[in-house]
Amino acid sequence: MRLRRAEEIETLSYRTVVELNAESRLAPQRRVVTIARRPERAQRLAADRAGRSERRQLQRLTRTDRTDRPIAQPQERRVVADAR
C-alpha cells in the first residue's frame, strides 16, 4: 500500500493524490459533480499560475524600497543633574 502511494505521489504529485482520494470518498452524486468540474478548475488554476510571475514582479516594483529611507540617528539623552 505504501509503495503504491509513493508511486502515485511521484507520478502525479502529492496535491493531486490527495484530491483524488478526497473525491473517491464523496457520495456518488457529489462525486459525479466534482469530476465534471475538473476541467473548469484546471483551467482556473492554470490561469492563476500564468499570471503569478507578472503579479509578483508588479508587487516588487510597487513595494517601498527600504534603502531609500535615511538611517535614524540615535538621539542624545539628557542626564538630569542630581539635586542633592
N, C-alpha and C. Protein backbone atom coordinates (compact mmCIF):
# COMPACT_ATOMS: atom_id res chain seq x y z
N MET A 1 0.83 -1.19 0.00
CA MET A 1 0.00 0.00 0.00
C MET A 1 0.88 1.26 0.00
N ARG A 2 1.89 1.29 0.85
CA ARG A 2 2.75 2.48 0.90
C ARG A 2 3.54 2.66 -0.39
N LEU A 3 3.97 1.54 -0.97
CA LEU A 3 4.72 1.62 -2.21
C LEU A 3 3.85 2.20 -3.33
N ARG A 4 2.60 1.72 -3.39
CA ARG A 4 1.69 2.23 -4.40
C ARG A 4 1.45 3.72 -4.22
N ARG A 5 1.25 4.15 -2.98
CA ARG A 5 1.03 5.57 -2.71
C ARG A 5 2.26 6.39 -3.08
N ALA A 6 3.43 5.87 -2.75
CA ALA A 6 4.66 6.58 -3.10
C ALA A 6 4.79 6.72 -4.61
N GLU A 7 4.42 5.68 -5.35
CA GLU A 7 4.46 5.75 -6.81
C GLU A 7 3.46 6.77 -7.35
N GLU A 8 2.27 6.78 -6.75
CA GLU A 8 1.26 7.77 -7.17
C GLU A 8 1.76 9.19 -6.94
N ILE A 9 2.31 9.42 -5.77
CA ILE A 9 2.81 10.76 -5.44
C ILE A 9 3.93 11.16 -6.37
N GLU A 10 4.82 10.22 -6.65
CA GLU A 10 5.95 10.51 -7.54
C GLU A 10 5.47 10.82 -8.95
N THR A 11 4.45 10.11 -9.39
CA THR A 11 3.95 10.28 -10.75
C THR A 11 3.04 11.50 -10.89
N LEU A 12 2.11 11.67 -9.95
CA LEU A 12 1.08 12.69 -10.10
C LEU A 12 1.35 13.98 -9.34
N SER A 13 1.87 13.91 -8.18
CA SER A 13 2.13 14.99 -7.22
C SER A 13 1.27 14.75 -6.00
N TYR A 14 1.74 15.23 -4.89
CA TYR A 14 1.05 15.00 -3.63
C TYR A 14 -0.35 15.61 -3.65
N ARG A 15 -0.45 16.83 -4.13
CA ARG A 15 -1.75 17.53 -4.14
C ARG A 15 -2.78 16.76 -4.97
N THR A 16 -2.37 16.25 -6.13
CA THR A 16 -3.29 15.50 -6.99
C THR A 16 -3.77 14.23 -6.32
N VAL A 17 -2.85 13.51 -5.67
CA VAL A 17 -3.22 12.27 -4.99
C VAL A 17 -4.22 12.57 -3.86
N VAL A 18 -3.98 13.62 -3.13
CA VAL A 18 -4.90 13.99 -2.04
C VAL A 18 -6.28 14.32 -2.60
N GLU A 19 -6.33 15.09 -3.70
CA GLU A 19 -7.61 15.45 -4.29
C GLU A 19 -8.35 14.22 -4.82
N LEU A 20 -7.63 13.30 -5.46
CA LEU A 20 -8.27 12.10 -5.97
C LEU A 20 -8.82 11.24 -4.83
N ASN A 21 -8.07 11.13 -3.76
CA ASN A 21 -8.56 10.36 -2.61
C ASN A 21 -9.78 11.03 -1.98
N ALA A 22 -9.79 12.34 -1.94
CA ALA A 22 -10.94 13.04 -1.39
C ALA A 22 -12.17 12.83 -2.26
N GLU A 23 -11.97 12.84 -3.58
CA GLU A 23 -13.08 12.60 -4.50
C GLU A 23 -13.66 11.20 -4.31
N SER A 24 -12.81 10.24 -4.10
CA SER A 24 -13.29 8.86 -4.01
C SER A 24 -14.09 8.62 -2.74
N ARG A 25 -13.98 9.50 -1.77
CA ARG A 25 -14.71 9.33 -0.51
C ARG A 25 -16.05 10.08 -0.50
N LEU A 26 -16.35 10.79 -1.56
CA LEU A 26 -17.61 11.52 -1.64
C LEU A 26 -18.77 10.59 -1.95
N ALA A 27 -19.96 11.06 -1.66
CA ALA A 27 -21.17 10.33 -2.06
C ALA A 27 -21.22 10.28 -3.58
N PRO A 28 -21.78 9.22 -4.17
CA PRO A 28 -21.77 9.07 -5.63
C PRO A 28 -22.28 10.27 -6.41
N GLN A 29 -23.35 10.93 -5.95
CA GLN A 29 -23.88 12.09 -6.68
C GLN A 29 -22.90 13.26 -6.64
N ARG A 30 -22.30 13.47 -5.51
CA ARG A 30 -21.34 14.58 -5.39
C ARG A 30 -20.08 14.27 -6.16
N ARG A 31 -19.71 12.99 -6.21
CA ARG A 31 -18.50 12.60 -6.95
C ARG A 31 -18.66 12.94 -8.42
N VAL A 32 -19.83 12.68 -8.99
CA VAL A 32 -20.08 12.97 -10.41
C VAL A 32 -19.93 14.46 -10.67
N VAL A 33 -20.49 15.28 -9.81
CA VAL A 33 -20.41 16.73 -9.98
C VAL A 33 -18.96 17.20 -9.85
N THR A 34 -18.25 16.67 -8.88
CA THR A 34 -16.86 17.07 -8.66
C THR A 34 -15.99 16.70 -9.85
N ILE A 35 -16.18 15.51 -10.37
CA ILE A 35 -15.39 15.07 -11.53
C ILE A 35 -15.75 15.90 -12.76
N ALA A 36 -17.01 16.27 -12.90
CA ALA A 36 -17.43 17.08 -14.04
C ALA A 36 -16.81 18.48 -13.99
N ARG A 37 -16.50 18.96 -12.81
CA ARG A 37 -15.93 20.31 -12.66
C ARG A 37 -14.41 20.33 -12.79
N ARG A 38 -13.77 19.20 -12.93
CA ARG A 38 -12.31 19.17 -13.03
C ARG A 38 -11.74 20.06 -14.12
N PRO A 39 -12.28 20.00 -15.35
CA PRO A 39 -11.69 20.86 -16.40
C PRO A 39 -11.77 22.35 -16.07
N GLU A 40 -12.89 22.80 -15.51
CA GLU A 40 -13.02 24.22 -15.14
C GLU A 40 -11.96 24.60 -14.11
N ARG A 41 -11.82 23.75 -13.12
CA ARG A 41 -10.85 24.02 -12.05
C ARG A 41 -9.42 24.02 -12.60
N ALA A 42 -9.13 23.08 -13.49
CA ALA A 42 -7.79 23.01 -14.07
C ALA A 42 -7.48 24.27 -14.86
N GLN A 43 -8.45 24.76 -15.62
CA GLN A 43 -8.23 25.99 -16.39
C GLN A 43 -8.03 27.19 -15.48
N ARG A 44 -8.83 27.26 -14.42
CA ARG A 44 -8.71 28.37 -13.48
C ARG A 44 -7.34 28.37 -12.80
N LEU A 45 -6.89 27.18 -12.38
CA LEU A 45 -5.59 27.10 -11.72
C LEU A 45 -4.46 27.42 -12.69
N ALA A 46 -4.59 26.98 -13.94
CA ALA A 46 -3.56 27.29 -14.94
C ALA A 46 -3.49 28.80 -15.19
N ALA A 47 -4.65 29.45 -15.24
CA ALA A 47 -4.67 30.90 -15.43
C ALA A 47 -4.04 31.62 -14.24
N ASP A 48 -4.30 31.12 -13.03
CA ASP A 48 -3.69 31.71 -11.84
C ASP A 48 -2.18 31.58 -11.88
N ARG A 49 -1.71 30.42 -12.29
CA ARG A 49 -0.26 30.20 -12.36
C ARG A 49 0.37 31.06 -13.44
N ALA A 50 -0.32 31.24 -14.56
CA ALA A 50 0.23 32.01 -15.68
C ALA A 50 0.45 33.47 -15.28
N GLY A 51 -0.46 34.05 -14.51
CA GLY A 51 -0.32 35.45 -14.15
C GLY A 51 0.50 35.70 -12.91
N ARG A 52 0.95 34.63 -12.27
CA ARG A 52 1.65 34.77 -10.99
C ARG A 52 2.95 35.55 -11.11
N SER A 53 3.74 35.25 -12.14
CA SER A 53 5.04 35.93 -12.25
C SER A 53 4.87 37.43 -12.48
N GLU A 54 3.88 37.80 -13.31
CA GLU A 54 3.65 39.22 -13.55
C GLU A 54 3.17 39.92 -12.27
N ARG A 55 2.28 39.26 -11.52
CA ARG A 55 1.80 39.85 -10.27
C ARG A 55 2.94 40.04 -9.28
N ARG A 56 3.80 39.05 -9.17
CA ARG A 56 4.94 39.17 -8.24
C ARG A 56 5.88 40.28 -8.66
N GLN A 57 6.12 40.38 -9.96
CA GLN A 57 7.01 41.43 -10.44
C GLN A 57 6.42 42.81 -10.14
N LEU A 58 5.11 42.95 -10.35
CA LEU A 58 4.44 44.21 -10.05
C LEU A 58 4.50 44.53 -8.56
N GLN A 59 4.31 43.52 -7.73
CA GLN A 59 4.39 43.73 -6.29
C GLN A 59 5.78 44.19 -5.87
N ARG A 60 6.79 43.61 -6.49
CA ARG A 60 8.18 44.03 -6.16
C ARG A 60 8.41 45.49 -6.53
N LEU A 61 7.86 45.90 -7.67
CA LEU A 61 8.07 47.26 -8.12
C LEU A 61 7.31 48.27 -7.27
N THR A 62 6.14 47.89 -6.78
CA THR A 62 5.34 48.83 -6.01
C THR A 62 5.70 48.85 -4.53
N ARG A 63 6.47 47.89 -4.11
CA ARG A 63 6.88 47.87 -2.70
C ARG A 63 7.75 49.08 -2.39
N THR A 64 7.64 49.62 -1.20
CA THR A 64 8.51 50.73 -0.84
C THR A 64 9.90 50.19 -0.60
N ASP A 65 10.85 50.85 -1.18
CA ASP A 65 12.23 50.40 -1.05
C ASP A 65 12.80 50.92 0.26
N ARG A 66 13.22 50.04 1.07
CA ARG A 66 13.71 50.42 2.40
C ARG A 66 15.08 51.07 2.36
N THR A 67 15.79 50.93 1.27
CA THR A 67 17.13 51.52 1.21
C THR A 67 17.07 53.03 0.98
N ASP A 68 15.91 53.55 0.55
CA ASP A 68 15.78 54.98 0.31
C ASP A 68 15.63 55.78 1.60
N ARG A 69 15.21 55.13 2.63
CA ARG A 69 14.99 55.83 3.91
C ARG A 69 16.32 56.14 4.59
N PRO A 70 16.44 57.33 5.16
CA PRO A 70 17.68 57.62 5.89
C PRO A 70 17.73 56.80 7.18
N ILE A 71 18.92 56.45 7.55
CA ILE A 71 19.10 55.68 8.77
C ILE A 71 18.90 56.61 9.96
N ALA A 72 18.08 56.21 10.89
CA ALA A 72 17.78 57.04 12.05
C ALA A 72 19.01 57.14 12.94
N GLN A 73 19.34 58.36 13.28
CA GLN A 73 20.49 58.58 14.16
C GLN A 73 20.03 58.52 15.61
N PRO A 74 20.80 57.91 16.46
CA PRO A 74 20.40 57.85 17.87
C PRO A 74 20.40 59.26 18.47
N GLN A 75 19.42 59.55 19.28
CA GLN A 75 19.32 60.86 19.90
C GLN A 75 20.11 60.87 21.20
N GLU A 76 20.65 62.06 21.48
CA GLU A 76 21.40 62.18 22.73
C GLU A 76 20.42 62.21 23.89
N ARG A 77 20.81 61.58 24.96
CA ARG A 77 19.96 61.58 26.15
C ARG A 77 20.46 62.65 27.12
N ARG A 78 19.53 63.35 27.67
CA ARG A 78 19.89 64.37 28.64
C ARG A 78 19.88 63.74 30.01
N VAL A 79 20.89 64.01 30.74
CA VAL A 79 21.00 63.47 32.10
C VAL A 79 20.57 64.56 33.07
N VAL A 80 19.62 64.25 33.92
CA VAL A 80 19.16 65.22 34.90
C VAL A 80 20.20 65.26 36.02
N ALA A 81 20.58 66.49 36.39
CA ALA A 81 21.57 66.65 37.46
C ALA A 81 20.98 66.19 38.78
N ASP A 82 21.81 65.61 39.59
CA ASP A 82 21.39 65.13 40.91
C ASP A 82 21.16 66.34 41.79
N ALA A 83 19.98 66.48 42.39
CA ALA A 83 19.62 67.66 43.17
C ALA A 83 19.90 67.46 44.65
N ARG A 84 21.01 66.98 45.03
CA ARG A 84 21.33 66.80 46.44
C ARG A 84 21.92 68.00 47.05
